ModelCIF file with pLDDT and N, C-alpha, C, O atoms, coordinates in Angstrom:
data_MODEL
#
_entry.id   MODEL 
#
_entity.id                         1 
_entity.type                       polymer 
_entity.pdbx_number_of_molecules   1 
#
_entity_poly.entity_id                      1 
_entity_poly.type                           'polypeptide(L)' 
_entity_poly.nstd_linkage                   no 
_entity_poly.nstd_monomer                   no 
_entity_poly.pdbx_seq_one_letter_code       SAIAQCDMHHQDQQRVTPGKCLQFVISGNSEQAEQLKQSLF 
_entity_poly.pdbx_seq_one_letter_code_can   SAIAQCDMHHQDQQRVTPGKCLQFVISGNSEQAEQLKQSLF 
_entity_poly.pdbx_strand_id                 A 
#
loop_
_entity_poly_seq.entity_id 
_entity_poly_seq.num 
_entity_poly_seq.mon_id 
_entity_poly_seq.hetero 
1 1  SER n 
1 2  ALA n 
1 3  ILE n 
1 4  ALA n 
1 5  GLN n 
1 6  CYS n 
1 7  ASP n 
1 8  MET n 
1 9  HIS n 
1 10 HIS n 
1 11 GLN n 
1 12 ASP n 
1 13 GLN n 
1 14 GLN n 
1 15 ARG n 
1 16 VAL n 
1 17 THR n 
1 18 PRO n 
1 19 GLY n 
1 20 LYS n 
1 21 CYS n 
1 22 LEU n 
1 23 GLN n 
1 24 PHE n 
1 25 VAL n 
1 26 ILE n 
1 27 SER n 
1 28 GLY n 
1 29 ASN n 
1 30 SER n 
1 31 GLU n 
1 32 GLN n 
1 33 ALA n 
1 34 GLU n 
1 35 GLN n 
1 36 LEU n 
1 37 LYS n 
1 38 GLN n 
1 39 SER n 
1 40 LEU n 
1 41 PHE n 
#
_struct_asym.id          A 
_struct_asym.entity_id   1 
#
loop_
_ma_qa_metric.id 
_ma_qa_metric.mode 
_ma_qa_metric.name 
_ma_qa_metric.software_group_id 
_ma_qa_metric.type 
1 global pLDDT . pLDDT 
2 local  pLDDT . pLDDT 
#
_ma_qa_metric_global.metric_id      1 
_ma_qa_metric_global.metric_value   94.27 
_ma_qa_metric_global.model_id       1 
_ma_qa_metric_global.ordinal_id     1 
#
loop_
_ma_qa_metric_local.label_asym_id 
_ma_qa_metric_local.label_comp_id 
_ma_qa_metric_local.label_seq_id 
_ma_qa_metric_local.metric_id 
_ma_qa_metric_local.metric_value 
_ma_qa_metric_local.model_id 
_ma_qa_metric_local.ordinal_id 
A SER 1  2 95.00 1 1  
A ALA 2  2 95.00 1 2  
A ILE 3  2 96.00 1 3  
A ALA 4  2 96.00 1 4  
A GLN 5  2 95.00 1 5  
A CYS 6  2 96.00 1 6  
A ASP 7  2 95.00 1 7  
A MET 8  2 96.00 1 8  
A HIS 9  2 94.00 1 9  
A HIS 10 2 94.00 1 10 
A GLN 11 2 93.00 1 11 
A ASP 12 2 94.00 1 12 
A GLN 13 2 93.00 1 13 
A GLN 14 2 92.00 1 14 
A ARG 15 2 91.00 1 15 
A VAL 16 2 93.00 1 16 
A THR 17 2 92.00 1 17 
A PRO 18 2 89.00 1 18 
A GLY 19 2 90.00 1 19 
A LYS 20 2 94.00 1 20 
A CYS 21 2 96.00 1 21 
A LEU 22 2 96.00 1 22 
A GLN 23 2 96.00 1 23 
A PHE 24 2 97.00 1 24 
A VAL 25 2 97.00 1 25 
A ILE 26 2 97.00 1 26 
A SER 27 2 96.00 1 27 
A GLY 28 2 96.00 1 28 
A ASN 29 2 94.00 1 29 
A SER 30 2 92.00 1 30 
A GLU 31 2 94.00 1 31 
A GLN 32 2 95.00 1 32 
A ALA 33 2 95.00 1 33 
A GLU 34 2 94.00 1 34 
A GLN 35 2 96.00 1 35 
A LEU 36 2 96.00 1 36 
A LYS 37 2 94.00 1 37 
A GLN 38 2 93.00 1 38 
A SER 39 2 94.00 1 39 
A LEU 40 2 94.00 1 40 
A PHE 41 2 90.00 1 41 
#
loop_
_atom_site.group_PDB 
_atom_site.id 
_atom_site.type_symbol 
_atom_site.label_atom_id 
_atom_site.label_alt_id 
_atom_site.label_comp_id 
_atom_site.label_asym_id 
_atom_site.label_entity_id 
_atom_site.label_seq_id 
_atom_site.pdbx_PDB_ins_code 
_atom_site.Cartn_x 
_atom_site.Cartn_y 
_atom_site.Cartn_z 
_atom_site.occupancy 
_atom_site.B_iso_or_equiv 
_atom_site.pdbx_formal_charge 
_atom_site.auth_seq_id 
_atom_site.auth_comp_id 
_atom_site.auth_asym_id 
_atom_site.auth_atom_id 
_atom_site.pdbx_PDB_model_num 
ATOM 1   N N  . SER A 1 1  ? 0.250  166.241 123.833 1.00 95.00 ? 1  SER A N  1 
ATOM 2   C CA . SER A 1 1  ? 0.327  166.761 122.463 1.00 95.00 ? 1  SER A CA 1 
ATOM 3   C C  . SER A 1 1  ? 0.962  165.734 121.537 1.00 95.00 ? 1  SER A C  1 
ATOM 4   O O  . SER A 1 1  ? 0.487  165.527 120.420 1.00 95.00 ? 1  SER A O  1 
ATOM 5   N N  . ALA A 1 2  ? 2.025  165.092 121.987 1.00 95.00 ? 2  ALA A N  1 
ATOM 6   C CA . ALA A 1 2  ? 2.696  164.081 121.164 1.00 95.00 ? 2  ALA A CA 1 
ATOM 7   C C  . ALA A 1 2  ? 1.768  162.899 120.896 1.00 95.00 ? 2  ALA A C  1 
ATOM 8   O O  . ALA A 1 2  ? 1.727  162.382 119.780 1.00 95.00 ? 2  ALA A O  1 
ATOM 9   N N  . ILE A 1 3  ? 1.028  162.472 121.912 1.00 96.00 ? 3  ILE A N  1 
ATOM 10  C CA . ILE A 1 3  ? 0.083  161.352 121.756 1.00 96.00 ? 3  ILE A CA 1 
ATOM 11  C C  . ILE A 1 3  ? -0.974 161.699 120.715 1.00 96.00 ? 3  ILE A C  1 
ATOM 12  O O  . ILE A 1 3  ? -1.305 160.882 119.855 1.00 96.00 ? 3  ILE A O  1 
ATOM 13  N N  . ALA A 1 4  ? -1.499 162.918 120.801 1.00 96.00 ? 4  ALA A N  1 
ATOM 14  C CA . ALA A 1 4  ? -2.539 163.354 119.856 1.00 96.00 ? 4  ALA A CA 1 
ATOM 15  C C  . ALA A 1 4  ? -1.987 163.453 118.435 1.00 96.00 ? 4  ALA A C  1 
ATOM 16  O O  . ALA A 1 4  ? -2.660 163.062 117.481 1.00 96.00 ? 4  ALA A O  1 
ATOM 17  N N  . GLN A 1 5  ? -0.772 163.972 118.289 1.00 95.00 ? 5  GLN A N  1 
ATOM 18  C CA . GLN A 1 5  ? -0.181 164.128 116.961 1.00 95.00 ? 5  GLN A CA 1 
ATOM 19  C C  . GLN A 1 5  ? 0.067  162.788 116.277 1.00 95.00 ? 5  GLN A C  1 
ATOM 20  O O  . GLN A 1 5  ? 0.092  162.713 115.048 1.00 95.00 ? 5  GLN A O  1 
ATOM 21  N N  . CYS A 1 6  ? 0.249  161.741 117.061 1.00 96.00 ? 6  CYS A N  1 
ATOM 22  C CA . CYS A 1 6  ? 0.466  160.407 116.492 1.00 96.00 ? 6  CYS A CA 1 
ATOM 23  C C  . CYS A 1 6  ? -0.833 159.615 116.358 1.00 96.00 ? 6  CYS A C  1 
ATOM 24  O O  . CYS A 1 6  ? -0.813 158.427 116.034 1.00 96.00 ? 6  CYS A O  1 
ATOM 25  N N  . ASP A 1 7  ? -1.961 160.280 116.609 1.00 95.00 ? 7  ASP A N  1 
ATOM 26  C CA . ASP A 1 7  ? -3.293 159.666 116.475 1.00 95.00 ? 7  ASP A CA 1 
ATOM 27  C C  . ASP A 1 7  ? -3.470 158.447 117.380 1.00 95.00 ? 7  ASP A C  1 
ATOM 28  O O  . ASP A 1 7  ? -4.196 157.514 117.035 1.00 95.00 ? 7  ASP A O  1 
ATOM 29  N N  . MET A 1 8  ? -2.810 158.456 118.527 1.00 96.00 ? 8  MET A N  1 
ATOM 30  C CA . MET A 1 8  ? -3.007 157.380 119.488 1.00 96.00 ? 8  MET A CA 1 
ATOM 31  C C  . MET A 1 8  ? -4.089 157.782 120.483 1.00 96.00 ? 8  MET A C  1 
ATOM 32  O O  . MET A 1 8  ? -4.326 158.967 120.717 1.00 96.00 ? 8  MET A O  1 
ATOM 33  N N  . HIS A 1 9  ? -4.736 156.787 121.057 1.00 94.00 ? 9  HIS A N  1 
ATOM 34  C CA . HIS A 1 9  ? -5.880 157.039 121.931 1.00 94.00 ? 9  HIS A CA 1 
ATOM 35  C C  . HIS A 1 9  ? -5.417 157.109 123.381 1.00 94.00 ? 9  HIS A C  1 
ATOM 36  O O  . HIS A 1 9  ? -4.840 156.157 123.906 1.00 94.00 ? 9  HIS A O  1 
ATOM 37  N N  . HIS A 1 10 ? -5.676 158.252 124.024 1.00 94.00 ? 10 HIS A N  1 
ATOM 38  C CA . HIS A 1 10 ? -5.314 158.452 125.431 1.00 94.00 ? 10 HIS A CA 1 
ATOM 39  C C  . HIS A 1 10 ? -6.445 157.898 126.302 1.00 94.00 ? 10 HIS A C  1 
ATOM 40  O O  . HIS A 1 10 ? -7.552 158.436 126.311 1.00 94.00 ? 10 HIS A O  1 
ATOM 41  N N  . GLN A 1 11 ? -6.155 156.818 127.032 1.00 93.00 ? 11 GLN A N  1 
ATOM 42  C CA . GLN A 1 11 ? -7.196 156.143 127.804 1.00 93.00 ? 11 GLN A CA 1 
ATOM 43  C C  . GLN A 1 11 ? -7.220 156.526 129.278 1.00 93.00 ? 11 GLN A C  1 
ATOM 44  O O  . GLN A 1 11 ? -8.288 156.635 129.880 1.00 93.00 ? 11 GLN A O  1 
ATOM 45  N N  . ASP A 1 12 ? -6.046 156.728 129.852 1.00 94.00 ? 12 ASP A N  1 
ATOM 46  C CA . ASP A 1 12 ? -5.996 157.002 131.291 1.00 94.00 ? 12 ASP A CA 1 
ATOM 47  C C  . ASP A 1 12 ? -4.626 157.569 131.640 1.00 94.00 ? 12 ASP A C  1 
ATOM 48  O O  . ASP A 1 12 ? -3.680 157.441 130.862 1.00 94.00 ? 12 ASP A O  1 
ATOM 49  N N  . GLN A 1 13 ? -4.520 158.193 132.807 1.00 93.00 ? 13 GLN A N  1 
ATOM 50  C CA . GLN A 1 13 ? -3.225 158.619 133.306 1.00 93.00 ? 13 GLN A CA 1 
ATOM 51  C C  . GLN A 1 13 ? -3.241 158.638 134.830 1.00 93.00 ? 13 GLN A C  1 
ATOM 52  O O  . GLN A 1 13 ? -4.282 158.844 135.454 1.00 93.00 ? 13 GLN A O  1 
ATOM 53  N N  . GLN A 1 14 ? -2.069 158.421 135.415 1.00 92.00 ? 14 GLN A N  1 
ATOM 54  C CA . GLN A 1 14 ? -1.941 158.369 136.869 1.00 92.00 ? 14 GLN A CA 1 
ATOM 55  C C  . GLN A 1 14 ? -0.696 159.122 137.303 1.00 92.00 ? 14 GLN A C  1 
ATOM 56  O O  . GLN A 1 14 ? 0.357  159.017 136.673 1.00 92.00 ? 14 GLN A O  1 
ATOM 57  N N  . ARG A 1 15 ? -0.820 159.875 138.373 1.00 91.00 ? 15 ARG A N  1 
ATOM 58  C CA . ARG A 1 15 ? 0.350  160.484 139.001 1.00 91.00 ? 15 ARG A CA 1 
ATOM 59  C C  . ARG A 1 15 ? 0.904  159.473 139.991 1.00 91.00 ? 15 ARG A C  1 
ATOM 60  O O  . ARG A 1 15 ? 0.432  159.373 141.123 1.00 91.00 ? 15 ARG A O  1 
ATOM 61  N N  . VAL A 1 16 ? 1.900  158.734 139.559 1.00 93.00 ? 16 VAL A N  1 
ATOM 62  C CA . VAL A 1 16 ? 2.443  157.659 140.394 1.00 93.00 ? 16 VAL A CA 1 
ATOM 63  C C  . VAL A 1 16 ? 3.113  158.248 141.636 1.00 93.00 ? 16 VAL A C  1 
ATOM 64  O O  . VAL A 1 16 ? 2.868  157.797 142.755 1.00 93.00 ? 16 VAL A O  1 
ATOM 65  N N  . THR A 1 17 ? 3.947  159.242 141.433 1.00 92.00 ? 17 THR A N  1 
ATOM 66  C CA . THR A 1 17 ? 4.531  160.013 142.530 1.00 92.00 ? 17 THR A CA 1 
ATOM 67  C C  . THR A 1 17 ? 4.413  161.478 142.138 1.00 92.00 ? 17 THR A C  1 
ATOM 68  O O  . THR A 1 17 ? 5.110  161.924 141.227 1.00 92.00 ? 17 THR A O  1 
ATOM 69  N N  . PRO A 1 18 ? 3.542  162.243 142.807 1.00 89.00 ? 18 PRO A N  1 
ATOM 70  C CA . PRO A 1 18 ? 3.342  163.644 142.424 1.00 89.00 ? 18 PRO A CA 1 
ATOM 71  C C  . PRO A 1 18 ? 4.656  164.405 142.343 1.00 89.00 ? 18 PRO A C  1 
ATOM 72  O O  . PRO A 1 18 ? 5.479  164.364 143.257 1.00 89.00 ? 18 PRO A O  1 
ATOM 73  N N  . GLY A 1 19 ? 4.830  165.104 141.215 1.00 90.00 ? 19 GLY A N  1 
ATOM 74  C CA . GLY A 1 19 ? 6.028  165.904 141.023 1.00 90.00 ? 19 GLY A CA 1 
ATOM 75  C C  . GLY A 1 19 ? 7.211  165.148 140.472 1.00 90.00 ? 19 GLY A C  1 
ATOM 76  O O  . GLY A 1 19 ? 8.230  165.751 140.136 1.00 90.00 ? 19 GLY A O  1 
ATOM 77  N N  . LYS A 1 20 ? 7.093  163.802 140.370 1.00 94.00 ? 20 LYS A N  1 
ATOM 78  C CA . LYS A 1 20 ? 8.229  162.998 139.889 1.00 94.00 ? 20 LYS A CA 1 
ATOM 79  C C  . LYS A 1 20 ? 7.869  162.024 138.783 1.00 94.00 ? 20 LYS A C  1 
ATOM 80  O O  . LYS A 1 20 ? 8.658  161.836 137.857 1.00 94.00 ? 20 LYS A O  1 
ATOM 81  N N  . CYS A 1 21 ? 6.705  161.402 138.850 1.00 96.00 ? 21 CYS A N  1 
ATOM 82  C CA . CYS A 1 21 ? 6.371  160.385 137.853 1.00 96.00 ? 21 CYS A CA 1 
ATOM 83  C C  . CYS A 1 21 ? 4.890  160.425 137.492 1.00 96.00 ? 21 CYS A C  1 
ATOM 84  O O  . CYS A 1 21 ? 4.015  160.459 138.357 1.00 96.00 ? 21 CYS A O  1 
ATOM 85  N N  . LEU A 1 22 ? 4.647  160.419 136.200 1.00 96.00 ? 22 LEU A N  1 
ATOM 86  C CA . LEU A 1 22 ? 3.300  160.395 135.639 1.00 96.00 ? 22 LEU A CA 1 
ATOM 87  C C  . LEU A 1 22 ? 3.262  159.315 134.574 1.00 96.00 ? 22 LEU A C  1 
ATOM 88  O O  . LEU A 1 22 ? 4.181  159.210 133.761 1.00 96.00 ? 22 LEU A O  1 
ATOM 89  N N  . GLN A 1 23 ? 2.195  158.501 134.569 1.00 96.00 ? 23 GLN A N  1 
ATOM 90  C CA . GLN A 1 23 ? 2.067  157.442 133.572 1.00 96.00 ? 23 GLN A CA 1 
ATOM 91  C C  . GLN A 1 23 ? 0.768  157.586 132.785 1.00 96.00 ? 23 GLN A C  1 
ATOM 92  O O  . GLN A 1 23 ? -0.295 157.855 133.345 1.00 96.00 ? 23 GLN A O  1 
ATOM 93  N N  . PHE A 1 24 ? 0.885  157.399 131.470 1.00 97.00 ? 24 PHE A N  1 
ATOM 94  C CA . PHE A 1 24 ? -0.255 157.471 130.563 1.00 97.00 ? 24 PHE A CA 1 
ATOM 95  C C  . PHE A 1 24 ? -0.531 156.075 130.019 1.00 97.00 ? 24 PHE A C  1 
ATOM 96  O O  . PHE A 1 24 ? 0.398  155.349 129.666 1.00 97.00 ? 24 PHE A O  1 
ATOM 97  N N  . VAL A 1 25 ? -1.791 155.703 129.952 1.00 97.00 ? 25 VAL A N  1 
ATOM 98  C CA . VAL A 1 25 ? -2.213 154.473 129.287 1.00 97.00 ? 25 VAL A CA 1 
ATOM 99  C C  . VAL A 1 25 ? -2.799 154.878 127.948 1.00 97.00 ? 25 VAL A C  1 
ATOM 100 O O  . VAL A 1 25 ? -3.760 155.647 127.893 1.00 97.00 ? 25 VAL A O  1 
ATOM 101 N N  . ILE A 1 26 ? -2.222 154.362 126.857 1.00 97.00 ? 26 ILE A N  1 
ATOM 102 C CA . ILE A 1 26 ? -2.663 154.741 125.516 1.00 97.00 ? 26 ILE A CA 1 
ATOM 103 C C  . ILE A 1 26 ? -2.823 153.487 124.666 1.00 97.00 ? 26 ILE A C  1 
ATOM 104 O O  . ILE A 1 26 ? -2.371 152.406 125.043 1.00 97.00 ? 26 ILE A O  1 
ATOM 105 N N  . SER A 1 27 ? -3.463 153.640 123.530 1.00 96.00 ? 27 SER A N  1 
ATOM 106 C CA . SER A 1 27 ? -3.611 152.514 122.605 1.00 96.00 ? 27 SER A CA 1 
ATOM 107 C C  . SER A 1 27 ? -3.366 152.990 121.182 1.00 96.00 ? 27 SER A C  1 
ATOM 108 O O  . SER A 1 27 ? -3.552 154.162 120.854 1.00 96.00 ? 27 SER A O  1 
ATOM 109 N N  . GLY A 1 28 ? -2.945 152.048 120.346 1.00 96.00 ? 28 GLY A N  1 
ATOM 110 C CA . GLY A 1 28 ? -2.663 152.354 118.955 1.00 96.00 ? 28 GLY A CA 1 
ATOM 111 C C  . GLY A 1 28 ? -1.954 151.189 118.303 1.00 96.00 ? 28 GLY A C  1 
ATOM 112 O O  . GLY A 1 28 ? -1.745 150.154 118.937 1.00 96.00 ? 28 GLY A O  1 
ATOM 113 N N  . ASN A 1 29 ? -1.584 151.342 117.050 1.00 94.00 ? 29 ASN A N  1 
ATOM 114 C CA . ASN A 1 29 ? -0.884 150.261 116.361 1.00 94.00 ? 29 ASN A CA 1 
ATOM 115 C C  . ASN A 1 29 ? 0.633  150.444 116.478 1.00 94.00 ? 29 ASN A C  1 
ATOM 116 O O  . ASN A 1 29 ? 1.103  151.457 116.995 1.00 94.00 ? 29 ASN A O  1 
ATOM 117 N N  . SER A 1 30 ? 1.375  149.476 116.003 1.00 92.00 ? 30 SER A N  1 
ATOM 118 C CA . SER A 1 30 ? 2.827  149.491 116.165 1.00 92.00 ? 30 SER A CA 1 
ATOM 119 C C  . SER A 1 30 ? 3.479  150.645 115.406 1.00 92.00 ? 30 SER A C  1 
ATOM 120 O O  . SER A 1 30 ? 4.466  151.213 115.873 1.00 92.00 ? 30 SER A O  1 
ATOM 121 N N  . GLU A 1 31 ? 2.942  150.991 114.250 1.00 94.00 ? 31 GLU A N  1 
ATOM 122 C CA . GLU A 1 31 ? 3.490  152.095 113.463 1.00 94.00 ? 31 GLU A CA 1 
ATOM 123 C C  . GLU A 1 31 ? 3.329  153.415 114.213 1.00 94.00 ? 31 GLU A C  1 
ATOM 124 O O  . GLU A 1 31 ? 4.252  154.228 114.256 1.00 94.00 ? 31 GLU A O  1 
ATOM 125 N N  . GLN A 1 32 ? 2.153  153.621 114.802 1.00 95.00 ? 32 GLN A N  1 
ATOM 126 C CA . GLN A 1 32 ? 1.918  154.831 115.588 1.00 95.00 ? 32 GLN A CA 1 
ATOM 127 C C  . GLN A 1 32 ? 2.830  154.868 116.810 1.00 95.00 ? 32 GLN A C  1 
ATOM 128 O O  . GLN A 1 32 ? 3.340  155.926 117.181 1.00 95.00 ? 32 GLN A O  1 
ATOM 129 N N  . ALA A 1 33 ? 3.031  153.706 117.431 1.00 95.00 ? 33 ALA A N  1 
ATOM 130 C CA . ALA A 1 33 ? 3.879  153.631 118.621 1.00 95.00 ? 33 ALA A CA 1 
ATOM 131 C C  . ALA A 1 33 ? 5.321  153.986 118.291 1.00 95.00 ? 33 ALA A C  1 
ATOM 132 O O  . ALA A 1 33 ? 5.984  154.670 119.071 1.00 95.00 ? 33 ALA A O  1 
ATOM 133 N N  . GLU A 1 34 ? 5.814  153.527 117.140 1.00 94.00 ? 34 GLU A N  1 
ATOM 134 C CA . GLU A 1 34 ? 7.186  153.851 116.737 1.00 94.00 ? 34 GLU A CA 1 
ATOM 135 C C  . GLU A 1 34 ? 7.325  155.344 116.453 1.00 94.00 ? 34 GLU A C  1 
ATOM 136 O O  . GLU A 1 34 ? 8.331  155.959 116.805 1.00 94.00 ? 34 GLU A O  1 
ATOM 137 N N  . GLN A 1 35 ? 6.319  155.915 115.821 1.00 96.00 ? 35 GLN A N  1 
ATOM 138 C CA . GLN A 1 35 ? 6.329  157.349 115.557 1.00 96.00 ? 35 GLN A CA 1 
ATOM 139 C C  . GLN A 1 35 ? 6.332  158.120 116.875 1.00 96.00 ? 35 GLN A C  1 
ATOM 140 O O  . GLN A 1 35 ? 7.063  159.098 117.027 1.00 96.00 ? 35 GLN A O  1 
ATOM 141 N N  . LEU A 1 36 ? 5.511  157.673 117.825 1.00 96.00 ? 36 LEU A N  1 
ATOM 142 C CA . LEU A 1 36 ? 5.449  158.338 119.130 1.00 96.00 ? 36 LEU A CA 1 
ATOM 143 C C  . LEU A 1 36 ? 6.776  158.205 119.874 1.00 96.00 ? 36 LEU A C  1 
ATOM 144 O O  . LEU A 1 36 ? 7.231  159.155 120.512 1.00 96.00 ? 36 LEU A O  1 
ATOM 145 N N  . LYS A 1 37 ? 7.390  157.039 119.793 1.00 94.00 ? 37 LYS A N  1 
ATOM 146 C CA . LYS A 1 37 ? 8.663  156.818 120.479 1.00 94.00 ? 37 LYS A CA 1 
ATOM 147 C C  . LYS A 1 37 ? 9.708  157.822 120.014 1.00 94.00 ? 37 LYS A C  1 
ATOM 148 O O  . LYS A 1 37 ? 10.437 158.381 120.834 1.00 94.00 ? 37 LYS A O  1 
ATOM 149 N N  . GLN A 1 38 ? 9.788  158.058 118.698 1.00 93.00 ? 38 GLN A N  1 
ATOM 150 C CA . GLN A 1 38 ? 10.755 159.014 118.171 1.00 93.00 ? 38 GLN A CA 1 
ATOM 151 C C  . GLN A 1 38 ? 10.442 160.431 118.640 1.00 93.00 ? 38 GLN A C  1 
ATOM 152 O O  . GLN A 1 38 ? 11.349 161.199 118.962 1.00 93.00 ? 38 GLN A O  1 
ATOM 153 N N  . SER A 1 39 ? 9.169  160.771 118.675 1.00 94.00 ? 39 SER A N  1 
ATOM 154 C CA . SER A 1 39 ? 8.758  162.096 119.141 1.00 94.00 ? 39 SER A CA 1 
ATOM 155 C C  . SER A 1 39 ? 9.089  162.290 120.614 1.00 94.00 ? 39 SER A C  1 
ATOM 156 O O  . SER A 1 39 ? 9.551  163.356 121.019 1.00 94.00 ? 39 SER A O  1 
ATOM 157 N N  . LEU A 1 40 ? 8.848  161.249 121.416 1.00 94.00 ? 40 LEU A N  1 
ATOM 158 C CA . LEU A 1 40 ? 9.113  161.331 122.854 1.00 94.00 ? 40 LEU A CA 1 
ATOM 159 C C  . LEU A 1 40 ? 10.612 161.428 123.129 1.00 94.00 ? 40 LEU A C  1 
ATOM 160 O O  . LEU A 1 40 ? 11.032 162.123 124.054 1.00 94.00 ? 40 LEU A O  1 
ATOM 161 N N  . PHE A 1 41 ? 11.418 160.730 122.326 1.00 90.00 ? 41 PHE A N  1 
ATOM 162 C CA . PHE A 1 41 ? 12.867 160.780 122.497 1.00 90.00 ? 41 PHE A CA 1 
ATOM 163 C C  . PHE A 1 41 ? 13.371 162.206 122.301 1.00 90.00 ? 41 PHE A C  1 
ATOM 164 O O  . PHE A 1 41 ? 14.572 162.456 122.405 1.00 90.00 ? 41 PHE A O  1 
#
């Protein structure tokens, strides 16, 4: 939801360790990334 709200493109995701770690691969510009960082925090 946070990725979508910042208009960043969700490219891929992996469950690195099920139940403990998940990683998303996304793309966007630096302004969008800063906005997303604040939302994620």
